[in-house]
Amino acid sequence: MFDANSFWRNRLENTYKELWKYYKYVVSQLINVIIIGLGFLLYYYLEWIKNISDNFPIAFLLAFILAMVLTYSPIFTFLKEADHIFLLPLEKKLITYFNNSIILSYSVQLFIIIICLSVTMPLYSRVYDGVVQSFFKFLFIMSITKLLNILIKWWVQFYSEKQVHIIDSCVRFAINTVLLYFLFSNVSNLFWMIEIVLLIGLYIFFKREAKQKGLKWEFLIKQNQQRMTSFYRFANFFIDVPKLKEQVKRRKFLDFFSSRISYSQNQTFYKLFTIAFIRSGDYFNLYIRLTLIGGFIVYFSAFRYGQVILVLVVLFLTGFQLLSLWKHHHLKIWIYLYPTSHTYKLKAFQNLLSRLLCIQVTLFSVLIFICGEYLISGLAFIFGIIFAYGFVYLYSKKKLTI
């Protein structure tokens, strides 16, 4: 007799053991960096709040940031690759299984909302009074909104059309932003209640339409695999992860950079690392995201010398994340058959990493220069280059092994 509750608990327990096996290594090596980083960010955040002007659009900023938290509503199903074959005949008996997944997903994301709301409340108190009372009011309304977002997301997953998923995310983000803007602006409750009604309408619509469709097993399995792969890729730097599955995506507009590298023996590993950075995994996307986010923060920073520190922080985060590229081909035996000295491997990796960090330094320095802070721009460039050199040729060398 198939017991959906027991099956779900078994999947949850196995997933927890699998994640914890790698998570404990990550935390043990990053705990000092996390504490120092959080301390710096907290200090910088509180100082920034003190210096913002009275006409700063706080309500819109909070609405925009927290709307992303509400809109992003993953559902942890713990499905595996073979489930679409062996569990397909039991689909009607898995209602309890998926209900448990929705409840767990909601609980985890509600905890994230509490953290995000707690972090943003000092910014809210800069303009408005009654922070304690407002916190519980906001938490209650956002918890209802998050539940609706998760339920809508569940029924949207019955659609195979990619454009439906995109439209759904855009519509929910717009509704969530408007709802939170009205909420943080302290206007009449009627305004944000209208947005709640719209979300309820979306839920009813997608639920009614999805009942005519079947469960998209391949999509749910792929979503779970992508989340696990992202974690494995991050943990792979601290410990070998045999289960890590690589994803390759050709970016034709970047072929120009790899095609310029010669096929000489001393360029073999440099070409290999460059192509891996461009095409494999999320290295390129990660680099672009950190560069854009870092550039945005540096450009709008109100502290002159704090901009230099921010540049160094972003450089460290970028370099640290890209160190996992070193082990990208670690389990491939054929790279050890190359007719070239493996001393080139370390030099090639350091060469690529130093160039990527120097590009970031240059971009950030230009942004600061555009702000009119010419001295700070020069200091950011000088200290950034020195930091990049030290990170690549001193810090990373201790972390990397041939």
Protein backbone atom coordinates (compact mmCIF):
# COMPACT_ATOMS: atom_id res chain seq x y z
CA MET A 1 0.00 0.00 0.00
CA PHE A 2 1.48 3.33 -1.08
CA ASP A 3 1.71 5.91 1.74
CA ALA A 4 2.28 9.41 0.32
CA ASN A 5 3.14 10.90 3.72
CA SER A 6 5.82 8.30 4.47
CA PHE A 7 7.22 8.64 0.97
CA TRP A 8 7.44 12.43 1.32
CA ARG A 9 9.11 12.23 4.74
CA ASN A 10 11.64 9.80 3.31
CA ARG A 11 12.46 12.14 0.43
CA LEU A 12 12.76 15.10 2.81
CA GLU A 13 15.06 13.20 5.15
CA ASN A 14 17.30 11.98 2.32
CA THR A 15 17.54 15.47 0.82
CA TYR A 16 18.38 16.98 4.20
CA LYS A 17 21.16 14.44 4.77
CA GLU A 18 22.51 15.05 1.27
CA LEU A 19 22.60 18.84 1.69
CA TRP A 20 23.96 18.76 5.23
CA LYS A 21 26.81 16.48 4.13
CA TYR A 22 28.21 19.36 2.04
CA TYR A 23 26.76 22.29 3.96
CA LYS A 24 28.81 21.62 7.10
CA TYR A 25 32.05 21.89 5.10
CA VAL A 26 30.95 25.14 3.51
CA VAL A 27 29.93 26.75 6.82
CA SER A 28 33.12 25.66 8.61
CA GLN A 29 35.28 27.40 6.01
CA LEU A 30 33.12 30.49 5.48
CA ILE A 31 31.99 31.33 9.01
CA ASN A 32 34.63 34.04 9.55
CA VAL A 33 33.96 35.63 6.17
CA ILE A 34 30.20 35.59 6.82
CA ILE A 35 30.54 37.25 10.24
CA ILE A 36 32.91 39.95 9.00
CA GLY A 37 30.86 40.54 5.86
CA LEU A 38 27.58 40.83 7.75
CA GLY A 39 29.16 43.19 10.26
CA PHE A 40 30.47 45.43 7.51
CA LEU A 41 27.18 45.42 5.62
CA LEU A 42 25.20 46.19 8.78
CA TYR A 43 27.44 49.15 9.62
CA TYR A 44 27.33 50.47 6.07
CA TYR A 45 23.54 49.96 5.89
CA LEU A 46 22.85 51.88 9.11
CA GLU A 47 25.20 54.70 8.08
CA TRP A 48 23.46 54.93 4.70
CA ILE A 49 20.06 55.18 6.41
CA LYS A 50 21.28 58.11 8.51
CA ASN A 51 22.37 60.04 5.42
CA ILE A 52 19.42 59.54 3.07
CA SER A 53 17.29 62.58 2.36
CA ASP A 54 13.75 63.04 3.65
CA ASN A 55 12.30 62.90 0.13
CA PHE A 56 13.95 59.57 -0.66
CA PRO A 57 11.36 57.15 -2.20
CA ILE A 58 11.56 54.63 0.64
CA ALA A 59 8.11 53.13 0.01
CA PHE A 60 8.92 52.39 -3.63
CA LEU A 61 12.37 50.95 -2.82
CA LEU A 62 10.97 48.64 -0.15
CA ALA A 63 8.10 47.60 -2.41
CA PHE A 64 10.45 46.81 -5.29
CA ILE A 65 12.89 44.76 -3.19
CA LEU A 66 10.31 42.80 -1.17
CA ALA A 67 8.16 42.22 -4.27
CA MET A 68 11.00 40.14 -5.68
CA VAL A 69 10.98 38.05 -2.48
CA LEU A 70 7.23 37.53 -2.78
CA THR A 71 7.27 36.77 -6.50
CA TYR A 72 10.08 34.22 -6.37
CA SER A 73 8.17 31.23 -5.02
CA PRO A 74 9.95 27.93 -5.69
CA ILE A 75 8.21 24.73 -4.63
CA PHE A 76 10.48 22.00 -3.25
CA THR A 77 9.14 18.73 -4.62
CA PHE A 78 12.31 16.60 -4.19
CA LEU A 79 11.44 14.76 -7.40
CA LYS A 80 14.13 12.67 -9.09
CA GLU A 81 14.85 11.81 -12.69
CA ALA A 82 13.18 8.39 -12.67
CA ASP A 83 10.02 9.58 -10.92
CA HIS A 84 8.21 10.46 -14.14
CA ILE A 85 8.30 6.75 -14.97
CA PHE A 86 7.74 5.01 -11.64
CA LEU A 87 5.45 7.57 -9.98
CA LEU A 88 3.34 8.41 -13.01
CA PRO A 89 0.80 5.61 -12.32
CA LEU A 90 0.49 6.94 -8.75
CA GLU A 91 -0.10 10.56 -9.72
CA LYS A 92 -3.60 10.70 -8.23
CA LYS A 93 -2.28 9.34 -4.92
CA LEU A 94 0.42 12.01 -4.69
CA ILE A 95 -1.90 14.89 -3.76
CA THR A 96 -0.80 14.63 -0.13
CA TYR A 97 2.84 14.49 -1.23
CA PHE A 98 2.60 17.74 -3.19
CA ASN A 99 0.53 19.41 -0.46
CA ASN A 100 3.36 18.66 1.96
CA SER A 101 5.82 20.17 -0.52
CA ILE A 102 3.74 23.34 -0.74
CA ILE A 103 3.51 23.61 3.06
CA LEU A 104 7.27 23.14 3.46
CA SER A 105 8.03 25.65 0.70
CA TYR A 106 5.72 28.18 2.32
CA SER A 107 7.30 27.69 5.75
CA VAL A 108 10.84 28.18 4.44
CA GLN A 109 9.92 31.25 2.43
CA LEU A 110 7.93 32.72 5.31
CA PHE A 111 11.11 32.55 7.38
CA ILE A 112 12.96 34.41 4.60
CA ILE A 113 10.23 37.07 4.59
CA ILE A 114 10.66 37.58 8.34
CA ILE A 115 14.40 38.10 7.86
CA CYS A 116 14.00 40.47 4.90
CA LEU A 117 11.27 42.47 6.61
CA SER A 118 13.36 42.74 9.79
CA VAL A 119 16.31 44.03 7.77
CA THR A 120 14.24 46.63 5.93
CA MET A 121 12.33 47.98 8.94
CA PRO A 122 15.13 50.38 10.01
CA LEU A 123 14.82 51.98 6.57
CA TYR A 124 11.05 52.22 7.01
CA SER A 125 11.45 53.81 10.46
CA ARG A 126 13.55 56.56 8.89
CA VAL A 127 10.32 58.20 7.71
CA TYR A 128 7.42 56.49 9.46
CA ASP A 129 6.59 55.89 13.13
CA GLY A 130 5.07 52.89 14.86
CA VAL A 131 7.65 50.36 13.67
CA VAL A 132 6.66 47.51 16.01
CA GLN A 133 2.95 47.68 15.19
CA SER A 134 3.71 48.11 11.49
CA PHE A 135 6.06 45.11 11.47
CA PHE A 136 3.38 42.64 12.54
CA LYS A 137 0.84 44.20 10.20
CA PHE A 138 3.26 43.96 7.26
CA LEU A 139 4.24 40.41 8.21
CA PHE A 140 0.62 39.27 8.33
CA ILE A 141 -0.26 40.78 4.95
CA MET A 142 2.96 39.58 3.30
CA SER A 143 2.43 36.05 4.64
CA ILE A 144 -1.00 35.95 2.97
CA THR A 145 0.47 37.39 -0.23
CA LYS A 146 3.30 34.83 -0.24
CA LEU A 147 0.81 31.97 0.19
CA LEU A 148 -1.19 33.21 -2.80
CA ASN A 149 2.01 33.52 -4.87
CA ILE A 150 3.04 29.96 -4.06
CA LEU A 151 -0.41 28.56 -4.88
CA ILE A 152 -0.50 30.47 -8.17
CA LYS A 153 3.01 29.24 -8.97
CA TRP A 154 1.95 25.66 -8.36
CA TRP A 155 -0.92 25.77 -10.84
CA VAL A 156 1.14 27.68 -13.42
CA GLN A 157 3.56 24.75 -13.41
CA PHE A 158 0.87 22.72 -15.17
CA TYR A 159 1.54 24.83 -18.28
CA SER A 160 4.27 23.73 -20.67
CA GLU A 161 4.36 27.06 -22.53
CA LYS A 162 7.38 29.09 -21.40
CA GLN A 163 5.68 32.40 -22.18
CA VAL A 164 2.93 31.60 -19.66
CA HIS A 165 5.53 31.28 -16.91
CA ILE A 166 7.17 34.56 -17.93
CA ILE A 167 3.87 36.44 -18.08
CA ASP A 168 2.81 34.98 -14.74
CA SER A 169 6.03 36.13 -13.04
CA CYS A 170 5.76 39.63 -14.55
CA VAL A 171 2.10 40.04 -13.60
CA ARG A 172 2.62 38.80 -10.05
CA PHE A 173 5.68 41.02 -9.62
CA ALA A 174 3.69 44.05 -10.78
CA ILE A 175 0.79 43.26 -8.44
CA ASN A 176 3.13 42.56 -5.51
CA THR A 177 5.00 45.82 -6.09
CA VAL A 178 1.83 47.91 -6.19
CA LEU A 179 0.42 46.10 -3.15
CA LEU A 180 3.56 46.70 -1.07
CA TYR A 181 3.83 50.30 -2.25
CA PHE A 182 0.31 51.04 -1.00
CA LEU A 183 1.08 49.14 2.19
CA PHE A 184 4.30 51.02 2.98
CA SER A 185 2.79 54.37 1.98
CA ASN A 186 0.20 54.09 4.77
CA VAL A 187 -2.70 54.83 2.44
CA SER A 188 -6.20 53.43 2.86
CA ASN A 189 -6.35 49.65 3.35
CA LEU A 190 -8.73 49.47 0.41
CA PHE A 191 -5.88 49.99 -2.07
CA TRP A 192 -3.74 47.00 -1.05
CA MET A 193 -6.86 44.87 -0.53
CA ILE A 194 -7.66 45.33 -4.22
CA GLU A 195 -4.27 43.77 -5.07
CA ILE A 196 -5.05 40.82 -2.78
CA VAL A 197 -8.31 40.33 -4.67
CA LEU A 198 -6.39 40.37 -7.97
CA LEU A 199 -4.06 37.64 -6.70
CA ILE A 200 -7.04 35.58 -5.57
CA GLY A 201 -8.51 36.03 -9.05
CA LEU A 202 -5.27 34.80 -10.64
CA TYR A 203 -5.27 31.79 -8.35
CA ILE A 204 -8.86 30.86 -9.25
CA PHE A 205 -8.17 31.34 -12.96
CA PHE A 206 -5.02 29.21 -13.12
CA LYS A 207 -6.48 26.52 -10.87
CA ARG A 208 -9.55 26.19 -13.09
CA GLU A 209 -7.49 26.08 -16.29
CA ALA A 210 -4.81 23.75 -14.89
CA LYS A 211 -7.34 21.07 -13.94
CA GLN A 212 -7.71 20.39 -17.65
CA LYS A 213 -3.96 19.75 -17.94
CA GLY A 214 -1.69 17.03 -16.64
CA LEU A 215 1.15 17.37 -14.18
CA LYS A 216 4.37 18.39 -15.97
CA TRP A 217 6.76 15.86 -14.46
CA GLU A 218 9.71 16.82 -16.63
CA PHE A 219 9.41 20.48 -15.65
CA LEU A 220 9.17 19.76 -11.91
CA ILE A 221 12.10 17.36 -12.05
CA LYS A 222 14.18 19.88 -13.99
CA GLN A 223 13.41 22.62 -11.47
CA ASN A 224 14.55 20.42 -8.59
CA GLN A 225 17.68 19.36 -10.47
CA GLN A 226 18.62 22.97 -11.19
CA ARG A 227 18.35 23.91 -7.51
CA MET A 228 20.47 20.94 -6.48
CA THR A 229 23.01 21.64 -9.21
CA SER A 230 23.40 25.25 -8.06
CA PHE A 231 24.13 24.06 -4.53
CA TYR A 232 26.50 21.33 -5.73
CA ARG A 233 28.41 23.80 -7.89
CA PHE A 234 28.95 26.10 -4.92
CA ALA A 235 29.92 23.23 -2.60
CA ASN A 236 32.25 21.78 -5.23
CA PHE A 237 34.93 24.31 -4.36
CA PHE A 238 35.14 23.07 -0.76
CA ILE A 239 34.74 19.36 -1.41
CA ASP A 240 34.50 17.13 -4.48
CA VAL A 241 30.88 16.60 -5.52
CA PRO A 242 30.62 13.57 -7.83
CA LYS A 243 26.89 14.19 -8.37
CA LEU A 244 27.51 17.57 -9.97
CA LYS A 245 26.00 17.65 -13.45
CA GLU A 246 27.42 20.21 -15.84
CA GLN A 247 25.25 22.32 -18.10
CA VAL A 248 26.68 23.76 -21.29
CA LYS A 249 25.26 26.75 -23.11
CA ARG A 250 26.98 28.23 -26.11
CA ARG A 251 27.06 32.03 -26.22
CA LYS A 252 27.89 32.86 -29.81
CA PHE A 253 28.40 36.55 -29.12
CA LEU A 254 31.36 35.61 -26.88
CA ASP A 255 33.03 33.21 -29.32
CA PHE A 256 35.25 36.09 -30.42
CA PHE A 257 37.18 35.98 -27.13
CA SER A 258 37.87 32.25 -27.16
CA SER A 259 38.62 32.08 -30.89
CA ARG A 260 41.44 34.60 -30.50
CA ILE A 261 43.36 32.24 -28.21
CA SER A 262 45.91 30.18 -30.12
CA TYR A 263 46.11 26.38 -29.95
CA SER A 264 49.73 26.39 -28.74
CA GLN A 265 50.66 24.12 -25.83
CA ASN A 266 51.19 26.93 -23.36
CA GLN A 267 47.69 28.28 -24.16
CA THR A 268 45.86 24.94 -23.84
CA PHE A 269 44.54 25.40 -20.31
CA TYR A 270 43.89 29.10 -20.79
CA LYS A 271 41.63 28.29 -23.74
CA LEU A 272 39.98 25.48 -21.76
CA PHE A 273 39.24 27.72 -18.75
CA THR A 274 38.04 30.57 -20.97
CA ILE A 275 35.57 28.35 -22.83
CA ALA A 276 34.40 26.84 -19.52
CA PHE A 277 33.83 30.33 -18.11
CA ILE A 278 31.85 31.42 -21.16
CA ARG A 279 29.80 28.29 -21.83
CA SER A 280 29.62 26.05 -18.78
CA GLY A 281 27.48 26.40 -15.70
CA ASP A 282 26.67 29.79 -14.30
CA TYR A 283 30.15 31.33 -14.18
CA PHE A 284 29.47 33.98 -16.80
CA ASN A 285 26.01 34.82 -15.40
CA LEU A 286 27.45 35.01 -11.89
CA TYR A 287 30.20 37.37 -13.04
CA ILE A 288 27.72 39.65 -14.83
CA ARG A 289 25.30 39.69 -11.87
CA LEU A 290 27.98 40.59 -9.34
CA THR A 291 29.39 43.25 -11.66
CA LEU A 292 25.99 44.88 -12.22
CA ILE A 293 24.96 44.72 -8.56
CA GLY A 294 28.36 45.94 -7.41
CA GLY A 295 28.34 48.75 -9.96
CA PHE A 296 24.86 49.83 -8.87
CA ILE A 297 25.85 49.94 -5.19
CA VAL A 298 29.14 51.72 -5.87
CA TYR A 299 27.51 54.31 -8.12
CA PHE A 300 24.78 55.23 -5.63
CA SER A 301 26.98 55.00 -2.54
CA ALA A 302 26.89 58.12 -0.38
CA PHE A 303 30.25 57.46 1.29
CA ARG A 304 33.30 58.56 -0.66
CA TYR A 305 35.94 56.30 0.88
CA GLY A 306 33.34 53.63 1.45
CA GLN A 307 33.21 53.22 -2.33
CA VAL A 308 36.79 51.94 -2.28
CA ILE A 309 35.89 49.37 0.37
CA LEU A 310 32.82 48.32 -1.61
CA VAL A 311 34.95 47.76 -4.70
CA LEU A 312 37.26 45.48 -2.71
CA VAL A 313 34.30 43.56 -1.23
CA VAL A 314 32.78 42.93 -4.67
CA LEU A 315 36.18 41.85 -6.01
CA PHE A 316 36.53 39.34 -3.19
CA LEU A 317 33.02 37.96 -3.70
CA THR A 318 33.58 37.62 -7.44
CA GLY A 319 37.00 36.04 -7.10
CA PHE A 320 35.86 33.67 -4.38
CA GLN A 321 32.89 32.46 -6.42
CA LEU A 322 34.99 32.01 -9.56
CA LEU A 323 37.52 29.86 -7.73
CA SER A 324 35.16 26.92 -8.30
CA LEU A 325 36.05 27.19 -12.01
CA TRP A 326 39.41 25.64 -11.08
CA LYS A 327 37.74 22.29 -10.39
CA HIS A 328 35.35 22.45 -13.32
CA HIS A 329 37.26 19.70 -15.19
CA HIS A 330 38.66 18.10 -12.03
CA LEU A 331 36.98 14.72 -12.58
CA LYS A 332 37.81 14.47 -16.30
CA ILE A 333 40.76 12.18 -16.76
CA TRP A 334 41.41 13.22 -20.36
CA ILE A 335 42.84 16.61 -19.38
CA TYR A 336 45.72 14.75 -17.71
CA LEU A 337 46.55 13.22 -21.08
CA TYR A 338 47.29 16.58 -22.69
CA PRO A 339 50.87 16.66 -24.06
CA THR A 340 51.65 19.78 -22.06
CA SER A 341 53.05 20.58 -18.64
CA HIS A 342 50.45 21.02 -15.92
CA THR A 343 52.38 23.98 -14.55
CA TYR A 344 50.58 25.88 -17.31
CA LYS A 345 47.26 25.04 -15.66
CA LEU A 346 47.81 27.22 -12.58
CA LYS A 347 49.26 30.06 -14.65
CA ALA A 348 46.34 29.91 -17.09
CA PHE A 349 43.73 30.00 -14.33
CA GLN A 350 45.45 32.86 -12.53
CA ASN A 351 45.78 34.75 -15.81
CA LEU A 352 42.05 34.45 -16.57
CA LEU A 353 40.97 35.27 -13.01
CA SER A 354 43.23 38.32 -12.82
CA ARG A 355 41.89 39.67 -16.11
CA LEU A 356 38.28 39.25 -15.00
CA LEU A 357 38.94 41.05 -11.70
CA CYS A 358 40.88 43.83 -13.43
CA ILE A 359 37.95 44.38 -15.79
CA GLN A 360 35.69 44.81 -12.75
CA VAL A 361 38.14 47.24 -11.14
CA THR A 362 38.25 49.33 -14.30
CA LEU A 363 34.45 49.44 -14.65
CA PHE A 364 33.92 50.42 -11.01
CA SER A 365 36.62 53.10 -11.21
CA VAL A 366 34.99 54.57 -14.30
CA LEU A 367 31.61 54.67 -12.52
CA ILE A 368 33.14 56.52 -9.57
CA PHE A 369 34.88 58.88 -11.99
CA ILE A 370 31.54 59.64 -13.67
CA CYS A 371 30.18 60.59 -10.22
CA GLY A 372 32.83 63.31 -10.11
CA GLU A 373 34.91 61.64 -7.39
CA TYR A 374 38.21 61.75 -9.27
CA LEU A 375 40.46 61.07 -6.26
CA ILE A 376 38.27 58.19 -5.04
CA SER A 377 38.24 56.79 -8.57
CA GLY A 378 42.03 56.72 -8.66
CA LEU A 379 42.24 55.18 -5.19
CA ALA A 380 39.66 52.53 -6.11
CA PHE A 381 41.65 51.62 -9.21
CA ILE A 382 45.02 51.45 -7.43
CA PHE A 383 43.81 49.51 -4.40
CA GLY A 384 41.60 47.34 -6.62
CA ILE A 385 44.52 46.28 -8.81
CA ILE A 386 46.67 45.58 -5.74
CA PHE A 387 43.85 43.58 -4.14
CA ALA A 388 43.21 41.61 -7.35
CA TYR A 389 46.92 40.75 -7.60
CA GLY A 390 47.05 39.67 -3.96
CA PHE A 391 43.86 37.62 -4.25
CA VAL A 392 44.95 35.82 -7.42
CA TYR A 393 48.63 35.20 -6.73
CA LEU A 394 48.64 34.92 -2.92
CA TYR A 395 45.22 34.01 -1.52
CA SER A 396 43.96 31.75 -4.32
CA LYS A 397 47.32 30.00 -4.70
CA LYS A 398 46.87 28.54 -1.22
CA LYS A 399 43.39 27.32 -2.15
CA LEU A 400 44.30 25.71 -5.46
CA THR A 401 46.09 22.43 -6.03
CA ILE A 402 47.53 21.09 -9.24
